[in-house]
Structures are given as C-alpha cells and as structure tokens.
Amino acid sequence: MTEAATSFEALLREALTPVEPPADLVERLEGALRSITEMAADELEAWELSAMRDPRNWVRPAAALVAGGAAGTALVVLRARRRAAATPPRSVAGVRKAAERTLADIERETRRLLGER
C-alpha cells in the first residue's frame, strides 16, 4: 500500500509542477482582445438606430456590446498589470504609489482604447 501511495504522490507532484507560459502569450492574448474589441466596435457602428424598434434585432448589438466591453476591459487590465509588474513596490508608500500608477495606467489605456474609435 505504501508503494501505491508514493507512486500516487509522485504522479501528483509531476502533474502539479508549474508550467511556464509561452513567451509570446501576452502578445497573442493582447492581439486577440484587440481584435474582439475592434470587431465589436465595427458591429456597433454598422448597427442602425432604426432597427431598435424590433427587439429581435437587439441580440447582435447587445452581444457586441458585452463582448467588446469585456475584451476592452481585459485589454486595459492586461496592459496596466504588465506595467505594474515591471516595478514591484518595496514599501508601504511604494504600494500606494504603485496603486496610483496602476490607476493612472488604467485611465490612460482606457482613453487610448476609446480614442482609437
């Protein structure tokens, strides 16, 4: 029984070893999020206000709004997090400054993302 337990523990240890993500994962994720945001914005731009009378026409713009909003938010957070990870805080005052920088980054990225359209 102990042999099976150690074998199981070894299998578990092997299965749960940390795996480093690919180097280009952030760039690919950012590109995919940017693409989704742009497609959602294009869908919303193509939508005609006159079609609002019929509720059956609301599905595509609503889906575009939700998908674009989620992708845009994730893109802003991803960019701000990448900048924040570059300079980790070293003290309590550093944490406050890092939080202020992160909020400023989020604001800047949001303005940049919304300004692109």
Protein backbone atom coordinates (compact mmCIF):
# COMPACT_ATOMS: atom_id res chain seq x y z
CA MET A 1 0.00 0.00 0.00
CA THR A 2 2.83 2.42 0.73
CA GLU A 3 4.28 1.79 -2.70
CA ALA A 4 0.99 2.82 -4.28
CA ALA A 5 0.83 5.93 -2.07
CA THR A 6 4.34 7.05 -3.02
CA SER A 7 3.58 6.31 -6.65
CA PHE A 8 0.42 8.39 -6.40
CA GLU A 9 2.31 11.21 -4.66
CA ALA A 10 4.96 11.14 -7.38
CA LEU A 11 2.30 11.30 -10.07
CA LEU A 12 0.58 14.17 -8.29
CA ARG A 13 3.85 16.05 -7.87
CA GLU A 14 4.64 15.58 -11.55
CA ALA A 15 1.16 16.67 -12.62
CA LEU A 16 1.19 19.78 -10.46
CA THR A 17 4.62 21.14 -11.36
CA PRO A 18 4.46 24.75 -12.51
CA VAL A 19 4.49 25.28 -16.25
CA GLU A 20 5.94 28.44 -17.73
CA PRO A 21 3.63 30.04 -20.29
CA PRO A 22 4.97 30.66 -23.79
CA ALA A 23 6.96 33.88 -24.17
CA ASP A 24 4.57 35.33 -26.71
CA LEU A 25 1.39 34.52 -24.74
CA VAL A 26 0.81 38.11 -23.62
CA GLU A 27 1.21 39.45 -27.15
CA ARG A 28 -1.14 36.82 -28.58
CA LEU A 29 -3.71 37.47 -25.86
CA GLU A 30 -3.45 41.22 -26.37
CA GLY A 31 -3.87 40.79 -30.14
CA ALA A 32 -6.94 38.59 -29.68
CA LEU A 33 -8.52 41.03 -27.22
CA ARG A 34 -7.78 43.96 -29.54
CA SER A 35 -9.33 42.06 -32.44
CA ILE A 36 -12.50 41.27 -30.46
CA THR A 37 -12.80 44.89 -29.35
CA GLU A 38 -12.42 46.16 -32.92
CA MET A 39 -14.94 43.65 -34.30
CA ALA A 40 -17.45 44.63 -31.61
CA ALA A 41 -16.94 48.33 -32.37
CA ASP A 42 -17.41 47.67 -36.10
CA GLU A 43 -20.60 45.73 -35.38
CA LEU A 44 -21.95 48.57 -33.26
CA GLU A 45 -21.02 51.16 -35.89
CA ALA A 46 -22.86 49.18 -38.58
CA TRP A 47 -25.99 48.91 -36.47
CA GLU A 48 -28.77 51.24 -37.47
CA LEU A 49 -30.82 53.02 -34.84
CA SER A 50 -33.97 52.48 -36.90
CA ALA A 51 -33.66 48.75 -36.23
CA MET A 52 -34.14 49.35 -32.50
CA ARG A 53 -37.90 49.17 -32.78
CA ASP A 54 -37.82 45.41 -33.31
CA PRO A 55 -36.45 43.54 -30.24
CA ARG A 56 -35.33 40.66 -32.45
CA ASN A 57 -32.61 42.96 -33.80
CA TRP A 58 -31.18 43.68 -30.35
CA VAL A 59 -29.24 40.41 -29.97
CA ARG A 60 -26.25 41.20 -32.17
CA PRO A 61 -25.63 44.72 -30.83
CA ALA A 62 -26.11 43.52 -27.25
CA ALA A 63 -23.65 40.67 -27.80
CA ALA A 64 -21.20 43.07 -29.46
CA LEU A 65 -21.54 45.47 -26.55
CA VAL A 66 -20.92 42.76 -23.94
CA ALA A 67 -18.05 41.11 -25.85
CA GLY A 68 -16.41 44.41 -26.74
CA GLY A 69 -16.77 45.75 -23.22
CA ALA A 70 -15.32 42.61 -21.66
CA ALA A 71 -12.46 42.42 -24.16
CA GLY A 72 -11.70 46.12 -23.80
CA THR A 73 -11.69 45.88 -20.03
CA ALA A 74 -9.44 42.82 -20.11
CA LEU A 75 -7.10 44.61 -22.51
CA VAL A 76 -6.84 47.66 -20.26
CA VAL A 77 -6.22 45.49 -17.17
CA LEU A 78 -3.64 43.36 -19.02
CA ARG A 79 -1.67 46.41 -20.13
CA ALA A 80 -1.84 48.06 -16.71
CA ARG A 81 -0.80 44.85 -14.98
CA ARG A 82 2.16 44.41 -17.28
CA ARG A 83 3.37 47.92 -16.42
CA ALA A 84 2.78 47.37 -12.69
CA ALA A 85 4.72 44.10 -12.71
CA ALA A 86 7.75 45.86 -14.15
CA THR A 87 8.32 47.82 -10.92
CA PRO A 88 7.21 45.95 -7.78
CA PRO A 89 6.64 48.10 -4.65
CA ARG A 90 9.22 47.84 -1.87
CA SER A 91 7.43 49.61 1.00
CA VAL A 92 4.01 50.73 2.17
CA ALA A 93 4.48 54.08 0.45
CA GLY A 94 5.58 52.16 -2.64
CA VAL A 95 2.33 50.20 -2.60
CA ARG A 96 0.38 53.46 -2.58
CA LYS A 97 2.45 54.85 -5.43
CA ALA A 98 2.05 51.58 -7.35
CA ALA A 99 -1.72 51.74 -6.89
CA GLU A 100 -1.79 55.34 -8.09
CA ARG A 101 0.36 54.42 -11.09
CA THR A 102 -1.89 51.47 -11.88
CA LEU A 103 -5.00 53.66 -11.76
CA ALA A 104 -3.30 56.23 -13.99
CA ASP A 105 -2.31 53.43 -16.40
CA ILE A 106 -5.88 52.14 -16.48
CA GLU A 107 -7.17 55.63 -17.18
CA ARG A 108 -4.58 56.21 -19.92
CA GLU A 109 -5.23 52.83 -21.57
CA THR A 110 -8.99 53.36 -21.43
CA ARG A 111 -8.69 56.77 -23.04
CA ARG A 112 -6.33 55.34 -25.68
CA LEU A 113 -8.64 52.42 -26.41
CA LEU A 114 -11.74 54.61 -26.63
CA GLY A 115 -9.85 57.27 -28.56
CA GLU A 116 -8.93 54.76 -31.27
CA ARG A 117 -12.55 54.65 -32.36
